[in-house]
Amino acid sequence: MSEKAKKTSITNELARERNRAAADRTLMAWIRTALAMIGFGFGVGKFYQALENADPEAYSDPLHSAEIVGESLIALGVLGLFAAVIQHWRSLKRIENEQYVYHQPRALPLIVASLLLMIGIFAFVSILL
């Protein structure tokens, strides 16, 4: 029997498999979230362009707030997905390590939620003006 086979236990391997599946589910959730933000940002931007093209004189928005909100959502979706891929890759590397030790990952959802809050406040203020 090899040295590796002696050290491998079914409990550890099943725990690694569950951790890997959880990391994959988390990445899939981030993909869905990023896709929704990118799609919504694109929709806001295109709606703004349609309004502006329909009657440029009637629609006046000197701040171009809808355009900024749309671009911000797209950028947040792309950056959030990029950060999620990096976090997923790091999780997989830790799981592959024989001496797996849990490390608290950065609070990616908290960062994205904070940025969405700022985008929402900007949108709210721009509607009031």
C-alpha atoms as a PDB file:
ATOM      1  CA  MET A   1       0.000   0.000   0.000  1.00  0.00           C
ATOM      2  CA  SER A   2       1.429   3.414  -0.915  1.00  0.00           C
ATOM      3  CA  GLU A   3       2.124   6.171   1.593  1.00  0.00           C
ATOM      4  CA  LYS A   4      -0.591   8.407   0.103  1.00  0.00           C
ATOM      5  CA  ALA A   5      -3.223   5.678   0.252  1.00  0.00           C
ATOM      6  CA  LYS A   6      -2.502   5.143   3.956  1.00  0.00           C
ATOM      7  CA  LYS A   7      -2.963   8.869   4.767  1.00  0.00           C
ATOM      8  CA  THR A   8      -6.116   9.339   2.697  1.00  0.00           C
ATOM      9  CA  SER A   9      -9.338   8.921   4.619  1.00  0.00           C
ATOM     10  CA  ILE A  10     -12.797   8.808   3.146  1.00  0.00           C
ATOM     11  CA  THR A  11     -13.957  11.494   5.574  1.00  0.00           C
ATOM     12  CA  ASN A  12     -11.301  13.946   4.391  1.00  0.00           C
ATOM     13  CA  GLU A  13     -11.952  13.208   0.738  1.00  0.00           C
ATOM     14  CA  LEU A  14     -15.710  13.661   1.131  1.00  0.00           C
ATOM     15  CA  ALA A  15     -15.133  16.930   2.984  1.00  0.00           C
ATOM     16  CA  ARG A  16     -12.903  18.130   0.138  1.00  0.00           C
ATOM     17  CA  GLU A  17     -15.571  17.131  -2.369  1.00  0.00           C
ATOM     18  CA  ARG A  18     -18.241  19.064  -0.432  1.00  0.00           C
ATOM     19  CA  ASN A  19     -15.967  22.109  -0.179  1.00  0.00           C
ATOM     20  CA  ARG A  20     -15.259  21.951  -3.904  1.00  0.00           C
ATOM     21  CA  ALA A  21     -18.982  21.705  -4.692  1.00  0.00           C
ATOM     22  CA  ALA A  22     -19.707  24.639  -2.380  1.00  0.00           C
ATOM     23  CA  ALA A  23     -17.001  26.724  -4.070  1.00  0.00           C
ATOM     24  CA  ASP A  24     -18.475  25.880  -7.485  1.00  0.00           C
ATOM     25  CA  ARG A  25     -21.994  26.818  -6.346  1.00  0.00           C
ATOM     26  CA  THR A  26     -20.691  30.108  -4.979  1.00  0.00           C
ATOM     27  CA  LEU A  27     -18.994  30.911  -8.284  1.00  0.00           C
ATOM     28  CA  MET A  28     -22.186  30.063 -10.181  1.00  0.00           C
ATOM     29  CA  ALA A  29     -24.137  32.434  -7.918  1.00  0.00           C
ATOM     30  CA  TRP A  30     -21.617  35.185  -8.656  1.00  0.00           C
ATOM     31  CA  ILE A  31     -21.921  34.495 -12.386  1.00  0.00           C
ATOM     32  CA  ARG A  32     -25.706  34.906 -12.173  1.00  0.00           C
ATOM     33  CA  THR A  33     -25.368  38.085 -10.116  1.00  0.00           C
ATOM     34  CA  ALA A  34     -22.777  39.593 -12.449  1.00  0.00           C
ATOM     35  CA  LEU A  35     -24.828  38.697 -15.509  1.00  0.00           C
ATOM     36  CA  ALA A  36     -27.893  40.358 -13.987  1.00  0.00           C
ATOM     37  CA  MET A  37     -25.938  43.538 -13.153  1.00  0.00           C
ATOM     38  CA  ILE A  38     -24.358  43.684 -16.609  1.00  0.00           C
ATOM     39  CA  GLY A  39     -27.697  43.069 -18.321  1.00  0.00           C
ATOM     40  CA  PHE A  40     -29.527  45.617 -16.207  1.00  0.00           C
ATOM     41  CA  GLY A  41     -26.787  48.201 -16.764  1.00  0.00           C
ATOM     42  CA  PHE A  42     -26.925  47.584 -20.505  1.00  0.00           C
ATOM     43  CA  GLY A  43     -30.723  47.962 -20.444  1.00  0.00           C
ATOM     44  CA  VAL A  44     -30.539  51.243 -18.527  1.00  0.00           C
ATOM     45  CA  GLY A  45     -27.950  52.592 -20.960  1.00  0.00           C
ATOM     46  CA  LYS A  46     -29.928  51.594 -24.049  1.00  0.00           C
ATOM     47  CA  PHE A  47     -33.148  53.007 -22.597  1.00  0.00           C
ATOM     48  CA  TYR A  48     -31.345  56.293 -21.951  1.00  0.00           C
ATOM     49  CA  GLN A  49     -30.091  56.354 -25.546  1.00  0.00           C
ATOM     50  CA  ALA A  50     -33.582  55.629 -26.895  1.00  0.00           C
ATOM     51  CA  LEU A  51     -35.066  58.493 -24.870  1.00  0.00           C
ATOM     52  CA  GLU A  52     -32.349  60.858 -25.969  1.00  0.00           C
ATOM     53  CA  ASN A  53     -32.647  59.865 -29.647  1.00  0.00           C
ATOM     54  CA  ALA A  54     -36.450  60.140 -29.656  1.00  0.00           C
ATOM     55  CA  ASP A  55     -36.473  63.815 -28.718  1.00  0.00           C
ATOM     56  CA  PRO A  56     -33.092  65.283 -27.773  1.00  0.00           C
ATOM     57  CA  GLU A  57     -34.559  68.677 -26.853  1.00  0.00           C
ATOM     58  CA  ALA A  58     -37.298  67.368 -24.564  1.00  0.00           C
ATOM     59  CA  TYR A  59     -35.036  65.059 -22.615  1.00  0.00           C
ATOM     60  CA  SER A  60     -32.398  67.022 -20.801  1.00  0.00           C
ATOM     61  CA  ASP A  61     -30.092  65.412 -18.298  1.00  0.00           C
ATOM     62  CA  PRO A  62     -26.906  67.453 -17.972  1.00  0.00           C
ATOM     63  CA  LEU A  63     -25.351  64.876 -15.612  1.00  0.00           C
ATOM     64  CA  HIS A  64     -26.108  61.946 -17.957  1.00  0.00           C
ATOM     65  CA  SER A  65     -27.087  60.123 -14.784  1.00  0.00           C
ATOM     66  CA  ALA A  66     -28.799  57.181 -16.482  1.00  0.00           C
ATOM     67  CA  GLU A  67     -25.711  56.611 -18.578  1.00  0.00           C
ATOM     68  CA  ILE A  68     -23.485  56.761 -15.493  1.00  0.00           C
ATOM     69  CA  VAL A  69     -25.726  54.357 -13.567  1.00  0.00           C
ATOM     70  CA  GLY A  70     -25.795  51.909 -16.495  1.00  0.00           C
ATOM     71  CA  GLU A  71     -22.030  52.022 -16.952  1.00  0.00           C
ATOM     72  CA  SER A  72     -21.490  51.684 -13.209  1.00  0.00           C
ATOM     73  CA  LEU A  73     -23.648  48.559 -13.069  1.00  0.00           C
ATOM     74  CA  ILE A  74     -21.791  47.049 -16.006  1.00  0.00           C
ATOM     75  CA  ALA A  75     -18.418  47.855 -14.431  1.00  0.00           C
ATOM     76  CA  LEU A  76     -19.517  46.488 -11.051  1.00  0.00           C
ATOM     77  CA  GLY A  77     -20.752  43.276 -12.675  1.00  0.00           C
ATOM     78  CA  VAL A  78     -17.487  42.765 -14.545  1.00  0.00           C
ATOM     79  CA  LEU A  79     -15.283  43.591 -11.554  1.00  0.00           C
ATOM     80  CA  GLY A  80     -17.415  41.481  -9.205  1.00  0.00           C
ATOM     81  CA  LEU A  81     -17.153  38.505 -11.538  1.00  0.00           C
ATOM     82  CA  PHE A  82     -13.397  38.988 -11.884  1.00  0.00           C
ATOM     83  CA  ALA A  83     -13.002  39.070  -8.088  1.00  0.00           C
ATOM     84  CA  ALA A  84     -15.240  35.987  -7.741  1.00  0.00           C
ATOM     85  CA  VAL A  85     -13.117  34.022 -10.228  1.00  0.00           C
ATOM     86  CA  ILE A  86      -9.957  34.910  -8.307  1.00  0.00           C
ATOM     87  CA  GLN A  87     -11.598  33.964  -5.005  1.00  0.00           C
ATOM     88  CA  HIS A  88     -12.767  30.654  -6.506  1.00  0.00           C
ATOM     89  CA  TRP A  89      -9.297  29.861  -7.849  1.00  0.00           C
ATOM     90  CA  ARG A  90      -7.746  30.567  -4.430  1.00  0.00           C
ATOM     91  CA  SER A  91     -10.330  28.373  -2.716  1.00  0.00           C
ATOM     92  CA  LEU A  92      -9.540  25.478  -5.043  1.00  0.00           C
ATOM     93  CA  LYS A  93      -5.814  25.853  -4.388  1.00  0.00           C
ATOM     94  CA  ARG A  94      -6.425  25.735  -0.614  1.00  0.00           C
ATOM     95  CA  ILE A  95      -8.670  22.669  -0.954  1.00  0.00           C
ATOM     96  CA  GLU A  96      -5.981  20.833  -2.967  1.00  0.00           C
ATOM     97  CA  ASN A  97      -3.444  21.428  -0.202  1.00  0.00           C
ATOM     98  CA  GLU A  98      -2.938  18.369   2.005  1.00  0.00           C
ATOM     99  CA  GLN A  99      -2.839  20.562   5.114  1.00  0.00           C
ATOM    100  CA  TYR A 100      -6.074  22.407   4.355  1.00  0.00           C
ATOM    101  CA  VAL A 101      -6.676  25.272   6.755  1.00  0.00           C
ATOM    102  CA  TYR A 102      -9.740  27.442   6.472  1.00  0.00           C
ATOM    103  CA  HIS A 103      -9.036  31.121   5.922  1.00  0.00           C
ATOM    104  CA  GLN A 104     -11.786  33.695   6.001  1.00  0.00           C
ATOM    105  CA  PRO A 105     -12.104  35.065   2.449  1.00  0.00           C
ATOM    106  CA  ARG A 106     -12.517  38.741   1.736  1.00  0.00           C
ATOM    107  CA  ALA A 107     -16.083  39.927   2.097  1.00  0.00           C
ATOM    108  CA  LEU A 108     -16.825  40.154  -1.631  1.00  0.00           C
ATOM    109  CA  PRO A 109     -20.623  40.342  -1.158  1.00  0.00           C
ATOM    110  CA  LEU A 110     -20.185  43.195   1.325  1.00  0.00           C
ATOM    111  CA  ILE A 111     -17.981  45.125  -1.111  1.00  0.00           C
ATOM    112  CA  VAL A 112     -20.423  44.648  -3.995  1.00  0.00           C
ATOM    113  CA  ALA A 113     -23.380  45.570  -1.790  1.00  0.00           C
ATOM    114  CA  SER A 114     -21.611  48.759  -0.660  1.00  0.00           C
ATOM    115  CA  LEU A 115     -20.865  49.756  -4.244  1.00  0.00           C
ATOM    116  CA  LEU A 116     -24.465  49.021  -5.270  1.00  0.00           C
ATOM    117  CA  LEU A 117     -25.611  51.208  -2.387  1.00  0.00           C
ATOM    118  CA  MET A 118     -23.486  54.077  -3.692  1.00  0.00           C
ATOM    119  CA  ILE A 119     -24.849  53.595  -7.232  1.00  0.00           C
ATOM    120  CA  GLY A 120     -28.388  53.573  -5.827  1.00  0.00           C
ATOM    121  CA  ILE A 121     -27.816  56.765  -3.846  1.00  0.00           C
ATOM    122  CA  PHE A 122     -26.415  58.463  -6.962  1.00  0.00           C
ATOM    123  CA  ALA A 123     -29.451  57.319  -8.984  1.00  0.00           C
ATOM    124  CA  PHE A 124     -31.836  58.533  -6.300  1.00  0.00           C
ATOM    125  CA  VAL A 125     -30.171  61.945  -6.061  1.00  0.00           C
ATOM    126  CA  SER A 126     -30.063  62.317  -9.849  1.00  0.00           C
ATOM    127  CA  ILE A 127     -33.814  61.642 -10.064  1.00  0.00           C
ATOM    128  CA  LEU A 128     -34.492  64.348  -7.492  1.00  0.00           C
ATOM    129  CA  LEU A 129     -32.510  66.962  -9.440  1.00  0.00           C
END
